[in-house]
């Protein structure tokens, strides 16, 4: 991290088909930033110990994650914002200082067999965003502060929609699932 904790370790801007594979990213203001209509592929990486978000996907970008470990970041494990899309398969988001994944402002997050463990929140979506999660676990969400929804497994706000299939959402410090503000969720074969 040449920025001494001020910038993302890897910053991908206006780039189409960038692959980051087999790296360990430690520190920085964030781990990997996929921004400005970029298409990013992250496979087999460890993204850890950033001051902010581990993986940021912004401004109509698209990220595909496979078998990554995203852990111990000071903020969110991942943020998907501004109509961006992120697909996650067999990833682990753990020990992050906010949400494992936050999906904001018309963004989309789809996951298959990914786990969200010991984050302050598991998965949060708001402002007309969409979440589709199949398989995997959301557990151990807990914190010591009075932050709203702290320790919740899933939080859906502001018209967010979600579906969960074959999931385990248990052992969180707050509610397993919280919905409000016109949000809705569908569950198939999910243990809560």
N, C-alpha and C. Protein backbone atom coordinates (compact mmCIF):
# COMPACT_ATOMS: atom_id res chain seq x y z
N UNK A 1 0.84 -1.19 0.00
CA UNK A 1 0.00 0.00 0.00
C UNK A 1 0.88 1.24 0.00
N UNK A 2 1.11 1.79 -1.17
CA UNK A 2 1.98 2.97 -1.29
C UNK A 2 1.30 4.25 -0.83
N UNK A 3 -0.03 4.21 -0.64
CA UNK A 3 -0.76 5.43 -0.24
C UNK A 3 -0.79 5.64 1.26
N UNK A 4 -0.18 4.74 2.02
CA UNK A 4 -0.21 4.81 3.48
C UNK A 4 -1.62 4.84 4.04
N UNK A 5 -2.50 4.03 3.48
CA UNK A 5 -3.84 3.88 4.01
C UNK A 5 -4.85 4.87 3.47
N UNK A 6 -4.53 5.63 2.44
CA UNK A 6 -5.44 6.65 1.93
C UNK A 6 -6.23 6.24 0.70
N UNK A 7 -5.72 5.33 -0.12
CA UNK A 7 -6.36 4.94 -1.36
C UNK A 7 -6.51 3.42 -1.43
N UNK A 8 -7.33 2.96 -2.39
CA UNK A 8 -7.46 1.52 -2.60
C UNK A 8 -6.13 0.94 -3.07
N UNK A 9 -5.82 -0.27 -2.66
CA UNK A 9 -4.58 -0.92 -3.07
C UNK A 9 -4.61 -1.18 -4.58
N UNK A 10 -5.75 -1.65 -5.10
CA UNK A 10 -5.93 -1.86 -6.54
C UNK A 10 -7.12 -1.01 -6.99
N UNK A 11 -6.90 -0.10 -7.93
CA UNK A 11 -7.94 0.81 -8.42
C UNK A 11 -8.14 0.58 -9.92
N UNK A 12 -9.29 0.03 -10.29
CA UNK A 12 -9.60 -0.29 -11.69
C UNK A 12 -10.65 0.71 -12.16
N UNK A 13 -10.29 1.54 -13.14
CA UNK A 13 -11.16 2.60 -13.63
C UNK A 13 -11.39 2.46 -15.13
N UNK A 14 -12.64 2.52 -15.56
CA UNK A 14 -13.00 2.55 -16.98
C UNK A 14 -12.22 1.49 -17.77
N UNK A 15 -12.21 0.28 -17.25
CA UNK A 15 -11.46 -0.82 -17.86
C UNK A 15 -12.38 -2.01 -18.06
N UNK A 16 -12.21 -2.71 -19.17
CA UNK A 16 -13.14 -3.77 -19.52
C UNK A 16 -12.41 -5.10 -19.63
N UNK A 17 -12.67 -5.97 -18.64
CA UNK A 17 -12.09 -7.30 -18.54
C UNK A 17 -10.70 -7.28 -17.90
N UNK A 18 -10.68 -6.90 -16.62
CA UNK A 18 -9.47 -6.93 -15.80
C UNK A 18 -9.59 -8.09 -14.82
N UNK A 19 -8.55 -8.93 -14.75
CA UNK A 19 -8.54 -10.07 -13.84
C UNK A 19 -7.49 -9.87 -12.76
N UNK A 20 -7.89 -10.06 -11.50
CA UNK A 20 -6.97 -10.07 -10.36
C UNK A 20 -7.08 -11.46 -9.76
N UNK A 21 -5.98 -12.23 -9.81
CA UNK A 21 -6.04 -13.63 -9.41
C UNK A 21 -4.85 -14.01 -8.53
N UNK A 22 -5.15 -14.60 -7.37
CA UNK A 22 -4.11 -15.18 -6.52
C UNK A 22 -3.28 -14.19 -5.74
N UNK A 23 -3.79 -12.99 -5.51
CA UNK A 23 -3.04 -11.97 -4.78
C UNK A 23 -3.51 -11.87 -3.34
N UNK A 24 -2.66 -11.30 -2.49
CA UNK A 24 -3.05 -10.88 -1.15
C UNK A 24 -2.92 -9.37 -1.10
N UNK A 25 -4.04 -8.70 -0.82
CA UNK A 25 -4.07 -7.25 -0.68
C UNK A 25 -4.25 -6.93 0.79
N UNK A 26 -3.31 -6.21 1.37
CA UNK A 26 -3.38 -5.86 2.79
C UNK A 26 -3.26 -4.35 2.95
N UNK A 27 -4.12 -3.80 3.82
CA UNK A 27 -4.04 -2.38 4.12
C UNK A 27 -4.72 -1.53 3.08
N UNK A 28 -4.30 -0.28 3.01
CA UNK A 28 -4.90 0.68 2.09
C UNK A 28 -6.17 1.27 2.64
N UNK A 29 -6.66 2.30 1.95
CA UNK A 29 -7.95 2.86 2.31
C UNK A 29 -9.06 1.87 1.99
N UNK A 30 -8.81 0.98 1.04
CA UNK A 30 -9.70 -0.10 0.64
C UNK A 30 -8.87 -1.13 -0.09
N UNK A 31 -9.45 -2.27 -0.40
CA UNK A 31 -8.70 -3.32 -1.07
C UNK A 31 -8.70 -3.17 -2.57
N UNK A 32 -9.83 -3.50 -3.21
CA UNK A 32 -9.96 -3.43 -4.67
C UNK A 32 -11.16 -2.55 -5.01
N UNK A 33 -10.95 -1.57 -5.88
CA UNK A 33 -12.01 -0.69 -6.36
C UNK A 33 -12.24 -0.97 -7.83
N UNK A 34 -13.48 -1.33 -8.18
CA UNK A 34 -13.90 -1.56 -9.56
C UNK A 34 -14.89 -0.45 -9.88
N UNK A 35 -14.48 0.54 -10.70
CA UNK A 35 -15.21 1.79 -10.80
C UNK A 35 -15.38 2.25 -12.25
N UNK A 36 -16.35 3.08 -12.49
CA UNK A 36 -16.56 3.77 -13.76
C UNK A 36 -16.74 2.80 -14.92
N UNK A 37 -17.84 2.06 -14.88
CA UNK A 37 -18.24 1.09 -15.90
C UNK A 37 -17.18 0.03 -16.21
N UNK A 38 -16.42 -0.36 -15.22
CA UNK A 38 -15.40 -1.40 -15.40
C UNK A 38 -16.02 -2.79 -15.27
N UNK A 39 -15.32 -3.78 -15.81
CA UNK A 39 -15.67 -5.19 -15.65
C UNK A 39 -14.46 -5.87 -15.00
N UNK A 40 -14.66 -6.41 -13.80
CA UNK A 40 -13.54 -6.91 -12.99
C UNK A 40 -13.81 -8.36 -12.58
N UNK A 41 -12.77 -9.18 -12.64
CA UNK A 41 -12.83 -10.58 -12.22
C UNK A 41 -11.82 -10.77 -11.10
N UNK A 42 -12.30 -11.20 -9.93
CA UNK A 42 -11.43 -11.44 -8.78
C UNK A 42 -11.55 -12.92 -8.41
N UNK A 43 -10.42 -13.64 -8.48
CA UNK A 43 -10.44 -15.08 -8.24
C UNK A 43 -9.30 -15.48 -7.32
N UNK A 44 -9.63 -16.16 -6.22
CA UNK A 44 -8.62 -16.74 -5.34
C UNK A 44 -7.74 -15.73 -4.64
N UNK A 45 -8.28 -14.55 -4.31
CA UNK A 45 -7.51 -13.51 -3.63
C UNK A 45 -7.85 -13.46 -2.15
N UNK A 46 -6.94 -12.88 -1.37
CA UNK A 46 -7.21 -12.50 0.01
C UNK A 46 -7.15 -10.99 0.06
N UNK A 47 -8.25 -10.37 0.48
CA UNK A 47 -8.34 -8.91 0.55
C UNK A 47 -8.65 -8.58 2.00
N UNK A 48 -7.67 -7.98 2.68
CA UNK A 48 -7.78 -7.87 4.14
C UNK A 48 -7.16 -6.59 4.70
N UNK A 49 -7.61 -6.25 5.90
CA UNK A 49 -7.00 -5.22 6.74
C UNK A 49 -7.00 -3.83 6.13
N UNK A 50 -7.92 -3.54 5.19
CA UNK A 50 -8.05 -2.18 4.67
C UNK A 50 -8.78 -1.30 5.67
N UNK A 51 -8.54 -0.01 5.61
CA UNK A 51 -9.21 0.92 6.52
C UNK A 51 -10.69 1.06 6.19
N UNK A 52 -11.05 0.87 4.91
CA UNK A 52 -12.44 1.02 4.48
C UNK A 52 -13.01 -0.28 3.96
N UNK A 53 -13.55 -0.23 2.73
CA UNK A 53 -14.22 -1.37 2.11
C UNK A 53 -13.22 -2.31 1.46
N UNK A 54 -13.43 -3.62 1.61
CA UNK A 54 -12.56 -4.60 0.97
C UNK A 54 -12.66 -4.57 -0.54
N UNK A 55 -13.89 -4.68 -1.08
CA UNK A 55 -14.13 -4.62 -2.52
C UNK A 55 -15.24 -3.60 -2.77
N UNK A 56 -14.96 -2.60 -3.60
CA UNK A 56 -15.96 -1.60 -3.95
C UNK A 56 -16.29 -1.70 -5.43
N UNK A 57 -17.58 -1.78 -5.74
CA UNK A 57 -18.03 -1.86 -7.14
C UNK A 57 -19.01 -0.70 -7.35
N UNK A 58 -18.60 0.29 -8.15
CA UNK A 58 -19.35 1.54 -8.26
C UNK A 58 -19.56 1.96 -9.71
N UNK A 59 -20.53 2.86 -9.90
CA UNK A 59 -20.73 3.58 -11.16
C UNK A 59 -20.91 2.66 -12.35
N UNK A 60 -21.98 1.83 -12.29
CA UNK A 60 -22.35 0.94 -13.40
C UNK A 60 -21.28 -0.09 -13.75
N UNK A 61 -20.49 -0.49 -12.77
CA UNK A 61 -19.46 -1.51 -12.99
C UNK A 61 -20.03 -2.90 -12.71
N UNK A 62 -19.27 -3.92 -13.12
CA UNK A 62 -19.68 -5.31 -12.94
C UNK A 62 -18.47 -6.09 -12.42
N UNK A 63 -18.64 -6.78 -11.29
CA UNK A 63 -17.56 -7.59 -10.73
C UNK A 63 -18.01 -9.03 -10.56
N UNK A 64 -17.12 -9.96 -10.87
CA UNK A 64 -17.36 -11.39 -10.69
C UNK A 64 -16.30 -11.90 -9.73
N UNK A 65 -16.74 -12.41 -8.57
CA UNK A 65 -15.83 -12.90 -7.55
C UNK A 65 -15.98 -14.41 -7.42
N UNK A 66 -14.83 -15.11 -7.27
CA UNK A 66 -14.83 -16.56 -7.12
C UNK A 66 -13.73 -16.96 -6.14
N UNK A 67 -14.11 -17.62 -5.04
CA UNK A 67 -13.16 -18.22 -4.08
C UNK A 67 -12.20 -17.20 -3.48
N UNK A 68 -12.72 -16.04 -3.09
CA UNK A 68 -11.91 -15.02 -2.42
C UNK A 68 -12.17 -15.05 -0.92
N UNK A 69 -11.20 -14.58 -0.15
CA UNK A 69 -11.35 -14.36 1.28
C UNK A 69 -11.26 -12.85 1.51
N UNK A 70 -12.35 -12.26 1.99
CA UNK A 70 -12.41 -10.81 2.20
C UNK A 70 -12.64 -10.61 3.69
N UNK A 71 -11.61 -10.18 4.40
CA UNK A 71 -11.67 -10.23 5.86
C UNK A 71 -11.00 -9.05 6.55
N UNK A 72 -11.52 -8.78 7.75
CA UNK A 72 -10.89 -7.85 8.70
C UNK A 72 -10.68 -6.45 8.14
N UNK A 73 -11.56 -6.01 7.26
CA UNK A 73 -11.50 -4.63 6.79
C UNK A 73 -12.24 -3.73 7.78
N UNK A 74 -11.81 -2.49 7.89
CA UNK A 74 -12.40 -1.57 8.86
C UNK A 74 -13.83 -1.20 8.54
N UNK A 75 -14.21 -1.24 7.27
CA UNK A 75 -15.57 -0.95 6.84
C UNK A 75 -16.25 -2.21 6.35
N UNK A 76 -16.96 -2.09 5.24
CA UNK A 76 -17.69 -3.22 4.67
C UNK A 76 -16.74 -4.22 4.01
N UNK A 77 -17.17 -5.47 3.97
CA UNK A 77 -16.43 -6.45 3.18
C UNK A 77 -16.51 -6.08 1.71
N UNK A 78 -17.73 -5.74 1.24
CA UNK A 78 -17.92 -5.30 -0.14
C UNK A 78 -19.08 -4.31 -0.19
N UNK A 79 -18.97 -3.35 -1.10
CA UNK A 79 -20.04 -2.40 -1.38
C UNK A 79 -20.34 -2.45 -2.87
N UNK A 80 -21.63 -2.63 -3.21
CA UNK A 80 -22.08 -2.61 -4.60
C UNK A 80 -23.05 -1.44 -4.70
N UNK A 81 -22.74 -0.43 -5.54
CA UNK A 81 -23.48 0.83 -5.50
C UNK A 81 -23.70 1.37 -6.92
N UNK A 82 -24.63 2.28 -7.04
CA UNK A 82 -24.84 3.03 -8.29
C UNK A 82 -25.13 2.13 -9.48
N UNK A 83 -26.17 1.28 -9.37
CA UNK A 83 -26.60 0.40 -10.47
C UNK A 83 -25.56 -0.64 -10.87
N UNK A 84 -24.57 -0.85 -10.06
CA UNK A 84 -23.53 -1.85 -10.35
C UNK A 84 -24.04 -3.25 -10.01
N UNK A 85 -23.28 -4.26 -10.46
CA UNK A 85 -23.63 -5.66 -10.23
C UNK A 85 -22.41 -6.42 -9.70
N UNK A 86 -22.67 -7.33 -8.78
CA UNK A 86 -21.60 -8.20 -8.30
C UNK A 86 -22.13 -9.62 -8.17
N UNK A 87 -21.38 -10.56 -8.73
CA UNK A 87 -21.67 -11.99 -8.60
C UNK A 87 -20.59 -12.61 -7.73
N UNK A 88 -21.00 -13.41 -6.75
CA UNK A 88 -20.07 -14.01 -5.80
C UNK A 88 -20.31 -15.51 -5.75
N UNK A 89 -19.23 -16.28 -5.83
CA UNK A 89 -19.34 -17.73 -5.73
C UNK A 89 -18.22 -18.26 -4.85
N UNK A 90 -18.60 -18.98 -3.81
CA UNK A 90 -17.63 -19.62 -2.90
C UNK A 90 -16.68 -18.62 -2.25
N UNK A 91 -17.15 -17.41 -2.00
CA UNK A 91 -16.35 -16.40 -1.31
C UNK A 91 -16.67 -16.42 0.18
N UNK A 92 -15.73 -15.91 0.99
CA UNK A 92 -15.94 -15.76 2.43
C UNK A 92 -15.72 -14.30 2.79
N UNK A 93 -16.76 -13.68 3.37
CA UNK A 93 -16.70 -12.32 3.87
C UNK A 93 -16.74 -12.44 5.40
N UNK A 94 -15.64 -12.15 6.07
CA UNK A 94 -15.62 -12.39 7.52
C UNK A 94 -14.86 -11.32 8.29
N UNK A 95 -15.35 -11.05 9.51
CA UNK A 95 -14.65 -10.18 10.44
C UNK A 95 -14.54 -8.73 10.00
N UNK A 96 -15.44 -8.27 9.11
CA UNK A 96 -15.37 -6.89 8.64
C UNK A 96 -16.10 -5.95 9.61
N UNK A 97 -15.70 -4.69 9.64
CA UNK A 97 -16.19 -3.73 10.63
C UNK A 97 -17.54 -3.13 10.33
N UNK A 98 -18.20 -3.56 9.28
CA UNK A 98 -19.57 -3.14 8.96
C UNK A 98 -20.25 -4.33 8.27
N UNK A 99 -21.01 -4.10 7.23
CA UNK A 99 -21.70 -5.19 6.55
C UNK A 99 -20.70 -6.12 5.85
N UNK A 100 -21.06 -7.41 5.80
CA UNK A 100 -20.29 -8.30 4.94
C UNK A 100 -20.39 -7.82 3.50
N UNK A 101 -21.63 -7.53 3.06
CA UNK A 101 -21.89 -6.93 1.75
C UNK A 101 -23.03 -5.92 1.91
N UNK A 102 -22.86 -4.72 1.33
CA UNK A 102 -23.92 -3.71 1.26
C UNK A 102 -24.24 -3.46 -0.20
N UNK A 103 -25.54 -3.47 -0.53
CA UNK A 103 -26.02 -3.31 -1.90
C UNK A 103 -26.92 -2.08 -1.92
N UNK A 104 -26.55 -1.05 -2.70
CA UNK A 104 -27.14 0.28 -2.55
C UNK A 104 -27.52 0.88 -3.91
N UNK A 105 -28.60 1.62 -3.94
CA UNK A 105 -28.99 2.47 -5.08
C UNK A 105 -29.16 1.71 -6.38
N UNK A 106 -30.13 0.80 -6.41
CA UNK A 106 -30.45 0.09 -7.63
C UNK A 106 -29.40 -0.91 -8.06
N UNK A 107 -28.55 -1.33 -7.15
CA UNK A 107 -27.49 -2.30 -7.46
C UNK A 107 -28.02 -3.73 -7.32
N UNK A 108 -27.24 -4.69 -7.80
CA UNK A 108 -27.60 -6.11 -7.75
C UNK A 108 -26.45 -6.91 -7.18
N UNK A 109 -26.77 -7.85 -6.27
CA UNK A 109 -25.79 -8.77 -5.72
C UNK A 109 -26.36 -10.18 -5.79
N UNK A 110 -25.64 -11.07 -6.44
CA UNK A 110 -26.02 -12.48 -6.50
C UNK A 110 -24.90 -13.33 -5.95
N UNK A 111 -25.24 -14.32 -5.12
CA UNK A 111 -24.21 -15.17 -4.52
C UNK A 111 -24.63 -16.63 -4.55
N UNK A 112 -23.63 -17.49 -4.70
CA UNK A 112 -23.84 -18.93 -4.66
C UNK A 112 -22.79 -19.54 -3.75
N UNK A 113 -23.23 -20.15 -2.66
CA UNK A 113 -22.35 -20.84 -1.71
C UNK A 113 -21.28 -19.93 -1.10
N UNK A 114 -21.60 -18.66 -0.92
CA UNK A 114 -20.70 -17.75 -0.22
C UNK A 114 -21.13 -17.64 1.24
N UNK A 115 -20.18 -17.28 2.11
CA UNK A 115 -20.45 -17.20 3.55
C UNK A 115 -20.14 -15.80 4.06
N UNK A 116 -20.97 -15.37 5.04
CA UNK A 116 -20.87 -14.04 5.64
C UNK A 116 -20.78 -14.27 7.14
N UNK A 117 -19.57 -14.24 7.68
CA UNK A 117 -19.32 -14.71 9.04
C UNK A 117 -18.71 -13.62 9.91
N UNK A 118 -19.29 -13.40 11.08
CA UNK A 118 -18.70 -12.54 12.11
C UNK A 118 -18.45 -11.11 11.64
N UNK A 119 -19.33 -10.60 10.79
CA UNK A 119 -19.29 -9.19 10.42
C UNK A 119 -20.22 -8.43 11.37
N UNK A 120 -20.21 -7.10 11.32
CA UNK A 120 -21.13 -6.34 12.15
C UNK A 120 -22.57 -6.56 11.67
N UNK A 121 -22.79 -6.63 10.36
CA UNK A 121 -24.04 -7.06 9.73
C UNK A 121 -23.66 -8.16 8.75
N UNK A 122 -24.61 -8.99 8.36
CA UNK A 122 -24.33 -9.98 7.32
C UNK A 122 -24.44 -9.36 5.94
N UNK A 123 -25.68 -9.16 5.47
CA UNK A 123 -25.96 -8.58 4.16
C UNK A 123 -27.00 -7.48 4.35
N UNK A 124 -26.77 -6.32 3.76
CA UNK A 124 -27.74 -5.23 3.82
C UNK A 124 -27.99 -4.70 2.41
N UNK A 125 -29.27 -4.48 2.07
CA UNK A 125 -29.63 -3.90 0.78
C UNK A 125 -30.63 -2.78 1.03
N UNK A 126 -30.46 -1.69 0.27
CA UNK A 126 -31.42 -0.60 0.39
C UNK A 126 -31.46 0.24 -0.88
N UNK A 127 -32.47 1.12 -0.94
CA UNK A 127 -32.71 2.00 -2.09
C UNK A 127 -32.91 1.21 -3.38
N UNK A 128 -33.94 0.36 -3.38
CA UNK A 128 -34.37 -0.38 -4.57
C UNK A 128 -33.30 -1.31 -5.13
N UNK A 129 -32.52 -1.90 -4.29
CA UNK A 129 -31.50 -2.86 -4.72
C UNK A 129 -32.05 -4.29 -4.63
N UNK A 130 -31.33 -5.21 -5.26
CA UNK A 130 -31.77 -6.61 -5.35
C UNK A 130 -30.66 -7.54 -4.88
N UNK A 131 -31.05 -8.54 -4.09
CA UNK A 131 -30.12 -9.55 -3.59
C UNK A 131 -30.70 -10.93 -3.91
N UNK A 132 -29.87 -11.82 -4.47
CA UNK A 132 -30.25 -13.21 -4.72
C UNK A 132 -29.13 -14.09 -4.17
N UNK A 133 -29.42 -14.86 -3.12
CA UNK A 133 -28.39 -15.66 -2.46
C UNK A 133 -28.85 -17.12 -2.42
N UNK A 134 -28.00 -18.01 -2.93
CA UNK A 134 -28.29 -19.44 -2.94
C UNK A 134 -27.17 -20.18 -2.22
N UNK A 135 -27.52 -20.94 -1.20
CA UNK A 135 -26.52 -21.69 -0.45
C UNK A 135 -25.66 -20.77 0.40
N UNK A 136 -24.91 -21.32 1.31
CA UNK A 136 -24.03 -20.54 2.16
C UNK A 136 -24.64 -20.22 3.51
N UNK A 137 -23.91 -19.40 4.28
CA UNK A 137 -24.25 -19.13 5.67
C UNK A 137 -24.09 -17.66 5.98
N UNK A 138 -25.02 -17.14 6.77
CA UNK A 138 -24.89 -15.82 7.37
C UNK A 138 -24.99 -16.04 8.87
N UNK A 139 -23.87 -15.86 9.59
CA UNK A 139 -23.90 -16.10 11.04
C UNK A 139 -22.84 -15.29 11.75
N UNK A 140 -23.02 -15.18 13.06
CA UNK A 140 -22.04 -14.52 13.91
C UNK A 140 -22.02 -13.01 13.82
N UNK A 141 -23.05 -12.41 13.20
CA UNK A 141 -23.10 -10.94 13.12
C UNK A 141 -23.30 -10.39 14.53
N UNK A 142 -22.39 -9.54 14.97
CA UNK A 142 -22.46 -9.02 16.33
C UNK A 142 -21.59 -7.77 16.45
N UNK A 143 -21.98 -6.88 17.34
CA UNK A 143 -21.12 -5.73 17.64
C UNK A 143 -21.46 -5.19 19.01
N UNK A 144 -20.61 -4.33 19.52
CA UNK A 144 -20.78 -3.80 20.86
C UNK A 144 -21.36 -2.38 20.85
N UNK A 145 -21.59 -1.79 19.67
CA UNK A 145 -22.07 -0.42 19.61
C UNK A 145 -23.60 -0.38 19.55
N UNK A 146 -24.15 0.83 19.54
CA UNK A 146 -25.60 1.00 19.45
C UNK A 146 -26.03 1.35 18.03
N UNK A 147 -25.21 1.03 17.04
CA UNK A 147 -25.54 1.27 15.64
C UNK A 147 -26.85 0.55 15.31
N UNK A 148 -27.80 1.25 14.62
CA UNK A 148 -29.04 0.56 14.25
C UNK A 148 -28.76 -0.72 13.45
N UNK A 149 -29.49 -1.76 13.75
CA UNK A 149 -29.41 -3.07 13.09
C UNK A 149 -28.09 -3.79 13.34
N UNK A 150 -27.32 -3.31 14.27
CA UNK A 150 -26.04 -3.92 14.60
C UNK A 150 -26.26 -5.39 15.00
N UNK A 151 -25.51 -6.29 14.40
CA UNK A 151 -25.62 -7.70 14.72
C UNK A 151 -26.70 -8.45 13.97
N UNK A 152 -27.40 -7.78 13.06
CA UNK A 152 -28.46 -8.44 12.29
C UNK A 152 -27.84 -9.26 11.16
N UNK A 153 -28.51 -10.35 10.80
CA UNK A 153 -28.03 -11.18 9.70
C UNK A 153 -28.29 -10.54 8.35
N UNK A 154 -29.56 -10.16 8.10
CA UNK A 154 -29.96 -9.54 6.84
C UNK A 154 -30.81 -8.32 7.15
N UNK A 155 -30.52 -7.20 6.48
CA UNK A 155 -31.31 -5.97 6.62
C UNK A 155 -31.71 -5.51 5.22
N UNK A 156 -33.04 -5.32 5.02
CA UNK A 156 -33.56 -4.83 3.74
C UNK A 156 -34.38 -3.57 4.01
N UNK A 157 -34.00 -2.47 3.36
CA UNK A 157 -34.63 -1.18 3.58
C UNK A 157 -34.94 -0.50 2.25
N UNK A 158 -35.87 0.43 2.26
CA UNK A 158 -36.08 1.32 1.13
C UNK A 158 -36.38 0.63 -0.18
N UNK A 159 -37.35 -0.31 -0.18
CA UNK A 159 -37.75 -0.96 -1.41
C UNK A 159 -36.80 -2.03 -1.92
N UNK A 160 -35.93 -2.53 -1.07
CA UNK A 160 -35.03 -3.61 -1.48
C UNK A 160 -35.81 -4.90 -1.62
N UNK A 161 -35.31 -5.79 -2.48
CA UNK A 161 -35.94 -7.10 -2.64
C UNK A 161 -34.86 -8.18 -2.60
N UNK A 162 -35.24 -9.33 -2.05
CA UNK A 162 -34.24 -10.39 -1.89
C UNK A 162 -34.89 -11.76 -1.97
N UNK A 163 -34.09 -12.74 -2.40
CA UNK A 163 -34.50 -14.14 -2.29
C UNK A 163 -33.33 -14.93 -1.72
N UNK A 164 -33.66 -15.88 -0.87
CA UNK A 164 -32.67 -16.73 -0.22
C UNK A 164 -33.11 -18.18 -0.41
N UNK A 165 -32.21 -19.00 -0.92
CA UNK A 165 -32.53 -20.41 -1.16
C UNK A 165 -31.42 -21.29 -0.59
N UNK A 166 -31.80 -22.29 0.20
CA UNK A 166 -30.83 -23.24 0.73
C UNK A 166 -29.81 -22.59 1.64
N UNK A 167 -30.20 -21.55 2.34
CA UNK A 167 -29.29 -20.79 3.21
C UNK A 167 -29.45 -21.21 4.67
N UNK A 168 -28.42 -20.88 5.47
CA UNK A 168 -28.51 -20.96 6.92
C UNK A 168 -28.23 -19.56 7.45
N UNK A 169 -29.23 -18.98 8.12
CA UNK A 169 -29.09 -17.63 8.71
C UNK A 169 -29.37 -17.78 10.19
N UNK A 170 -28.32 -18.05 10.97
CA UNK A 170 -28.49 -18.35 12.39
C UNK A 170 -27.35 -17.74 13.21
N UNK A 171 -27.54 -17.74 14.53
CA UNK A 171 -26.52 -17.36 15.50
C UNK A 171 -26.00 -15.94 15.29
N UNK A 172 -26.92 -15.03 14.94
CA UNK A 172 -26.56 -13.62 14.85
C UNK A 172 -26.96 -12.92 16.14
N UNK A 173 -26.30 -11.82 16.47
CA UNK A 173 -26.55 -11.12 17.73
C UNK A 173 -27.88 -10.40 17.77
N UNK A 174 -28.41 -10.03 16.60
CA UNK A 174 -29.72 -9.38 16.51
C UNK A 174 -30.65 -10.27 15.71
N UNK A 175 -31.64 -9.64 15.09
CA UNK A 175 -32.59 -10.40 14.27
C UNK A 175 -31.88 -11.11 13.13
N UNK A 176 -32.41 -12.27 12.75
CA UNK A 176 -31.87 -12.96 11.59
C UNK A 176 -32.15 -12.18 10.33
N UNK A 177 -33.40 -11.66 10.21
CA UNK A 177 -33.81 -10.91 9.03
C UNK A 177 -34.67 -9.74 9.48
N UNK A 178 -34.38 -8.56 8.92
CA UNK A 178 -35.17 -7.35 9.23
C UNK A 178 -35.57 -6.69 7.92
N UNK A 179 -36.87 -6.44 7.73
CA UNK A 179 -37.38 -5.79 6.53
C UNK A 179 -38.21 -4.57 6.94
N UNK A 180 -38.09 -3.48 6.16
CA UNK A 180 -38.97 -2.33 6.36
C UNK A 180 -38.96 -1.45 5.12
N UNK A 181 -39.79 -0.42 5.12
CA UNK A 181 -39.84 0.56 4.04
C UNK A 181 -40.18 -0.05 2.69
N UNK A 182 -41.18 -0.92 2.63
CA UNK A 182 -41.60 -1.49 1.35
C UNK A 182 -40.68 -2.54 0.78
N UNK A 183 -39.81 -3.10 1.58
CA UNK A 183 -38.91 -4.17 1.12
C UNK A 183 -39.62 -5.51 1.23
N UNK A 184 -39.15 -6.51 0.47
CA UNK A 184 -39.71 -7.85 0.61
C UNK A 184 -38.66 -8.90 0.33
N UNK A 185 -38.92 -10.10 0.87
CA UNK A 185 -37.98 -11.21 0.70
C UNK A 185 -38.75 -12.51 0.53
N UNK A 186 -38.13 -13.43 -0.20
CA UNK A 186 -38.69 -14.77 -0.42
C UNK A 186 -37.64 -15.78 0.06
N UNK A 187 -38.11 -16.84 0.74
CA UNK A 187 -37.20 -17.83 1.29
C UNK A 187 -37.60 -19.22 0.79
N UNK A 188 -36.62 -19.97 0.29
CA UNK A 188 -36.83 -21.35 -0.15
C UNK A 188 -35.83 -22.23 0.57
N UNK A 189 -36.29 -23.16 1.38
CA UNK A 189 -35.40 -24.11 2.03
C UNK A 189 -34.31 -23.44 2.85
N UNK A 190 -34.66 -22.35 3.54
CA UNK A 190 -33.69 -21.58 4.31
C UNK A 190 -33.97 -21.74 5.80
N UNK A 191 -32.92 -21.97 6.60
CA UNK A 191 -33.04 -22.09 8.04
C UNK A 191 -32.72 -20.73 8.65
N UNK A 192 -33.70 -20.21 9.42
CA UNK A 192 -33.50 -18.91 10.09
C UNK A 192 -33.70 -19.11 11.57
